[in-house]
Amino acid sequence: GRASPPLAALSQVLRLDRSRRTAIVFPLQKLERYLAPGIDTARFRLFQPGLAALQRAEALFRSDRGHPIDYVSSAVRIDHAPPPALPEVCFIGRSNVGKSSLIRALFSLAPELEIRVSKTPGHTKKMNFFKVGKYFTLVDMPGYGYRAPQDFVEMVEAYLQERHNLKRTFLLVDGVAGLQKTDHIAVEMLEEFGIPYVMVLTKIDRASRGLLLKNVLEIQAYVKENTQGCFPQLFLVSSMEFSGVHLLRCFVAHVTGNLPTVEAR
């Protein structure tokens, strides 16, 4: 297996100075200081776990002999999916949103696990299932948009509607491009099905601070006005710099029922 990249482990992040540490673990909070006075920041801090919860979550994402993290199987139809025995989360987003890169970053402490990342948008054509020990399953869904597989709607809609062990859907949005028309369609689908979901803003290292702030505020306003099933806090991530990855691991552990003590209003 390959070595874990720098900052993949929380112990490495804790060696940084306080400002850099906050930027890596809580990138949304790092943006707060640049907001105009009077802007409500309550939605920036709804999920704010302590160190113990972050460490517990990291342990789930770290493979060892007694806790294997494995690719299970791929499926193009819901009836080909593995049995729904464990709590499950799925990741969806536009082609080229950085979904496979993010999943590889989340699983970077399981270096023997191979997550293919392609430079070609739309590389993922099937639902790919990854089992995290005896705790939960993570599903990498095909990307939507112009490179989506032909049977995308049939495959994904059936999964979302019928997978009774699905605890949360993670909807990835490009941090540079912001919400696109296809993302609005995905939100409408999730709202129509009554699926609980959360929005994740990817590639934040590629966006200027001003653009990132603009996109964050626009998405939070959109979520507030147009959604009922979306968790009010936006999650910001960079798969390159590991910003937000530790927090996202913790949220996944929380929604799959593996962090009983963490507080999330």
Protein backbone atom coordinates (compact mmCIF):
# COMPACT_ATOMS: atom_id res chain seq x y z
CA GLY A 1 0.00 0.00 0.00
CA ARG A 2 1.01 3.60 -0.50
CA ALA A 3 1.93 5.91 2.37
CA SER A 4 -0.70 8.27 3.79
CA PRO A 5 -0.26 11.88 2.59
CA PRO A 6 0.72 14.72 4.97
CA LEU A 7 -2.17 16.03 7.13
CA ALA A 8 -4.26 12.90 6.48
CA ALA A 9 -3.98 12.09 10.19
CA LEU A 10 -5.24 14.39 12.92
CA SER A 11 -1.99 13.97 14.87
CA GLN A 12 -0.18 15.76 12.02
CA VAL A 13 -2.73 18.60 11.96
CA LEU A 14 -2.42 19.12 15.72
CA ARG A 15 1.27 19.98 15.28
CA LEU A 16 0.36 23.07 13.24
CA ASP A 17 -0.13 26.53 14.73
CA ARG A 18 -3.66 27.33 15.91
CA SER A 19 -4.73 29.42 12.90
CA ARG A 20 -3.59 26.81 10.37
CA ARG A 21 -5.14 24.04 12.46
CA THR A 22 -8.53 25.78 12.46
CA ALA A 23 -8.30 26.34 8.71
CA ILE A 24 -7.72 22.62 8.15
CA VAL A 25 -10.28 21.20 10.59
CA PHE A 26 -12.98 23.91 10.43
CA PRO A 27 -12.52 25.76 7.09
CA LEU A 28 -15.98 27.34 7.28
CA GLN A 29 -15.11 28.97 10.62
CA LYS A 30 -11.92 30.34 9.07
CA LEU A 31 -14.10 32.28 6.61
CA GLU A 32 -16.23 33.85 9.35
CA ARG A 33 -13.81 36.69 10.08
CA TYR A 34 -14.20 38.00 6.53
CA LEU A 35 -17.99 38.32 6.67
CA ALA A 36 -19.71 41.67 6.79
CA PRO A 37 -20.99 42.64 10.28
CA GLY A 38 -24.50 41.45 11.01
CA ILE A 39 -24.41 38.28 8.92
CA ASP A 40 -25.85 35.37 10.88
CA THR A 41 -23.12 32.78 11.44
CA ALA A 42 -25.21 30.26 13.39
CA ARG A 43 -25.20 27.94 10.36
CA PHE A 44 -21.39 27.96 10.35
CA ARG A 45 -21.15 26.10 13.69
CA LEU A 46 -24.04 23.64 13.94
CA PHE A 47 -21.72 20.64 13.85
CA GLN A 48 -18.66 21.43 15.93
CA PRO A 49 -17.21 18.23 17.42
CA GLY A 50 -14.43 18.22 19.99
CA LEU A 51 -11.09 16.50 19.70
CA ALA A 52 -12.29 13.18 21.18
CA ALA A 53 -15.05 12.87 18.57
CA LEU A 54 -12.66 13.76 15.74
CA GLN A 55 -10.21 11.11 16.98
CA ARG A 56 -12.95 8.48 17.31
CA ALA A 57 -14.08 9.20 13.75
CA GLU A 58 -10.53 8.97 12.45
CA ALA A 59 -10.14 5.54 14.06
CA LEU A 60 -13.10 4.32 11.99
CA PHE A 61 -11.39 5.48 8.79
CA ARG A 62 -8.05 3.89 9.73
CA SER A 63 -7.79 0.26 8.61
CA ASP A 64 -6.03 -2.45 10.55
CA ARG A 65 -6.18 -6.23 10.83
CA GLY A 66 -9.23 -6.21 13.09
CA HIS A 67 -10.91 -3.37 11.21
CA PRO A 68 -10.67 -3.86 7.44
CA ILE A 69 -11.86 -1.20 4.99
CA ASP A 70 -12.72 -2.92 1.73
CA TYR A 71 -14.17 -2.31 -1.68
CA VAL A 72 -17.17 -4.67 -1.68
CA SER A 73 -18.70 -4.53 -5.15
CA SER A 74 -20.14 -2.37 -7.91
CA ALA A 75 -23.71 -2.33 -9.14
CA VAL A 76 -25.64 -0.81 -12.03
CA ARG A 77 -29.00 -1.79 -10.56
CA ILE A 78 -30.30 -1.66 -7.01
CA ASP A 79 -31.01 -5.40 -7.00
CA HIS A 80 -27.30 -6.00 -7.68
CA ALA A 81 -26.26 -3.98 -4.62
CA PRO A 82 -24.84 -5.80 -1.58
CA PRO A 83 -27.31 -6.60 1.21
CA PRO A 84 -28.32 -3.49 3.21
CA ALA A 85 -26.89 -4.81 6.47
CA LEU A 86 -25.02 -1.69 7.70
CA PRO A 87 -25.85 2.03 7.95
CA GLU A 88 -24.99 3.62 4.61
CA VAL A 89 -24.02 7.01 3.19
CA CYS A 90 -23.72 7.89 -0.49
CA PHE A 91 -21.82 10.61 -2.34
CA ILE A 92 -23.30 12.17 -5.47
CA GLY A 93 -22.40 15.19 -7.58
CA ARG A 94 -21.78 16.53 -11.05
CA SER A 95 -19.18 14.83 -13.23
CA ASN A 96 -15.75 16.29 -12.42
CA VAL A 97 -16.83 17.70 -9.03
CA GLY A 98 -13.98 15.83 -7.34
CA LYS A 99 -16.03 13.03 -5.81
CA SER A 100 -13.50 10.21 -6.23
CA SER A 101 -10.69 12.50 -5.00
CA LEU A 102 -12.68 13.31 -1.87
CA ILE A 103 -13.47 9.65 -1.18
CA ARG A 104 -9.77 8.83 -1.62
CA ALA A 105 -8.90 11.60 0.88
CA LEU A 106 -11.46 10.28 3.40
CA PHE A 107 -9.93 6.78 3.06
CA SER A 108 -6.30 7.98 2.96
CA LEU A 109 -5.58 6.15 6.25
CA ALA A 110 -6.47 2.87 4.52
CA PRO A 111 -3.69 3.05 1.90
CA GLU A 112 -4.26 -0.51 0.66
CA LEU A 113 -7.71 0.54 -0.59
CA GLU A 114 -7.57 1.65 -4.21
CA ILE A 115 -9.87 4.52 -5.19
CA ARG A 116 -9.37 5.30 -8.84
CA VAL A 117 -9.28 8.98 -9.69
CA SER A 118 -9.53 9.81 -13.38
CA LYS A 119 -8.74 13.06 -15.19
CA THR A 120 -11.72 12.27 -17.41
CA PRO A 121 -15.07 13.51 -16.06
CA GLY A 122 -17.71 10.83 -15.62
CA HIS A 123 -15.24 8.05 -14.85
CA THR A 124 -17.58 6.44 -12.30
CA LYS A 125 -20.26 4.54 -14.23
CA LYS A 126 -21.54 2.29 -11.45
CA MET A 127 -22.43 2.49 -7.77
CA ASN A 128 -19.28 1.47 -5.90
CA PHE A 129 -19.68 0.11 -2.35
CA PHE A 130 -16.96 0.41 0.32
CA LYS A 131 -17.40 -1.35 3.66
CA VAL A 132 -15.87 0.25 6.76
CA GLY A 133 -15.39 -2.66 9.14
CA LYS A 134 -18.63 -3.59 10.86
CA TYR A 135 -19.71 0.05 11.16
CA PHE A 136 -21.01 1.46 7.87
CA THR A 137 -20.87 1.40 4.06
CA LEU A 138 -19.92 4.33 1.84
CA VAL A 139 -21.25 4.42 -1.73
CA ASP A 140 -19.62 6.31 -4.60
CA MET A 141 -22.41 7.16 -7.08
CA PRO A 142 -21.97 7.97 -10.79
CA GLY A 143 -21.68 11.66 -11.60
CA TYR A 144 -24.60 13.51 -13.14
CA GLY A 145 -24.53 16.04 -15.96
CA TYR A 146 -23.17 15.72 -19.47
CA ARG A 147 -20.99 12.67 -18.74
CA ALA A 148 -23.58 10.72 -16.76
CA PRO A 149 -24.11 7.05 -17.70
CA GLN A 150 -27.22 6.40 -19.81
CA ASP A 151 -29.10 4.67 -17.03
CA PHE A 152 -28.12 7.24 -14.36
CA VAL A 153 -31.64 8.36 -13.47
CA GLU A 154 -33.00 4.84 -13.25
CA MET A 155 -30.02 3.63 -11.20
CA VAL A 156 -29.77 6.55 -8.78
CA GLU A 157 -33.48 7.22 -8.25
CA ALA A 158 -34.11 3.55 -7.50
CA TYR A 159 -31.21 3.51 -5.03
CA LEU A 160 -32.33 6.67 -3.22
CA GLN A 161 -35.95 5.56 -2.97
CA GLU A 162 -35.42 1.91 -2.04
CA ARG A 163 -32.24 1.78 0.07
CA HIS A 164 -33.81 1.79 3.54
CA ASN A 165 -30.42 1.72 5.34
CA LEU A 166 -29.32 5.02 3.67
CA LYS A 167 -28.68 7.49 6.50
CA ARG A 168 -27.45 10.54 4.60
CA THR A 169 -26.68 11.61 1.04
CA PHE A 170 -23.70 13.88 0.49
CA LEU A 171 -24.32 16.22 -2.45
CA LEU A 172 -21.02 17.60 -3.76
CA VAL A 173 -20.90 21.06 -5.34
CA ASP A 174 -17.87 22.58 -7.10
CA GLY A 175 -16.34 25.30 -4.88
CA VAL A 176 -15.23 27.35 -7.90
CA ALA A 177 -18.35 26.98 -10.09
CA GLY A 178 -20.92 27.13 -7.27
CA LEU A 179 -24.44 25.75 -7.67
CA GLN A 180 -25.24 24.79 -11.27
CA LYS A 181 -28.56 24.00 -12.93
CA THR A 182 -27.87 20.26 -12.67
CA ASP A 183 -27.24 20.68 -8.93
CA HIS A 184 -30.67 22.34 -8.58
CA ILE A 185 -32.21 19.30 -10.28
CA ALA A 186 -30.40 16.99 -7.84
CA VAL A 187 -31.67 19.04 -4.88
CA GLU A 188 -35.23 18.88 -6.24
CA MET A 189 -34.92 15.10 -6.59
CA LEU A 190 -33.68 14.68 -3.00
CA GLU A 191 -36.41 16.98 -1.70
CA GLU A 192 -39.09 15.13 -3.66
CA PHE A 193 -37.94 11.78 -2.24
CA GLY A 194 -37.67 13.17 1.31
CA ILE A 195 -34.02 12.07 1.57
CA PRO A 196 -31.89 13.71 4.31
CA TYR A 197 -28.79 15.18 2.71
CA VAL A 198 -25.91 17.60 3.24
CA MET A 199 -24.07 19.82 0.77
CA VAL A 200 -20.29 19.62 0.46
CA LEU A 201 -18.35 22.35 -1.34
CA THR A 202 -15.28 20.77 -3.01
CA LYS A 203 -11.99 22.12 -4.41
CA ILE A 204 -11.92 25.08 -2.00
CA ASP A 205 -8.15 25.37 -2.51
CA ARG A 206 -8.83 26.43 -6.11
CA ALA A 207 -11.22 29.27 -5.25
CA SER A 208 -10.16 32.76 -4.17
CA ARG A 209 -11.41 33.78 -0.73
CA GLY A 210 -13.86 36.25 -2.26
CA LEU A 211 -15.32 33.70 -4.64
CA LEU A 212 -15.53 31.10 -1.89
CA LEU A 213 -17.38 33.50 0.42
CA LYS A 214 -19.78 34.43 -2.38
CA ASN A 215 -20.53 30.78 -3.15
CA VAL A 216 -20.91 29.85 0.53
CA LEU A 217 -23.38 32.67 1.22
CA GLU A 218 -25.36 32.00 -1.97
CA ILE A 219 -25.63 28.27 -1.22
CA GLN A 220 -26.60 28.84 2.40
CA ALA A 221 -29.31 31.30 1.30
CA TYR A 222 -30.52 28.77 -1.29
CA VAL A 223 -30.62 25.98 1.32
CA LYS A 224 -32.55 28.18 3.75
CA GLU A 225 -35.15 29.23 1.18
CA ASN A 226 -35.58 26.12 -0.95
CA THR A 227 -34.90 23.01 1.11
CA GLN A 228 -36.32 21.03 3.99
CA GLY A 229 -34.16 17.89 3.96
CA CYS A 230 -30.75 19.58 3.75
CA PHE A 231 -28.58 19.93 6.86
CA PRO A 232 -28.26 23.71 7.34
CA GLN A 233 -24.46 23.72 7.65
CA LEU A 234 -22.38 23.57 4.49
CA PHE A 235 -19.20 21.46 4.59
CA LEU A 236 -16.10 22.82 2.82
CA VAL A 237 -13.35 20.46 1.66
CA SER A 238 -10.07 20.35 -0.21
CA SER A 239 -8.90 16.87 -1.13
CA MET A 240 -5.45 18.30 -1.90
CA GLU A 241 -4.88 20.16 1.38
CA PHE A 242 -7.16 17.99 3.59
CA SER A 243 -9.17 21.03 4.68
CA GLY A 244 -12.52 19.85 6.05
CA VAL A 245 -11.71 16.15 5.57
CA HIS A 246 -11.38 15.41 9.30
CA LEU A 247 -14.67 17.19 10.04
CA LEU A 248 -16.42 15.33 7.21
CA ARG A 249 -15.17 11.99 8.56
CA CYS A 250 -16.65 12.96 11.91
CA PHE A 251 -20.02 13.87 10.36
CA VAL A 252 -20.14 10.56 8.47
CA ALA A 253 -19.38 8.70 11.72
CA HIS A 254 -22.09 10.72 13.46
CA VAL A 255 -24.90 10.18 10.92
CA THR A 256 -24.16 6.44 10.73
CA GLY A 257 -24.66 6.18 14.50
CA ASN A 258 -21.02 5.60 15.38
CA LEU A 259 -20.46 8.73 17.49
CA PRO A 260 -23.06 8.56 20.24
CA THR A 261 -21.56 11.41 22.28
CA VAL A 262 -21.00 14.06 19.63
CA GLU A 263 -23.24 17.08 19.76
CA ALA A 264 -24.89 18.24 16.56
CA ARG A 265 -27.95 20.39 16.90
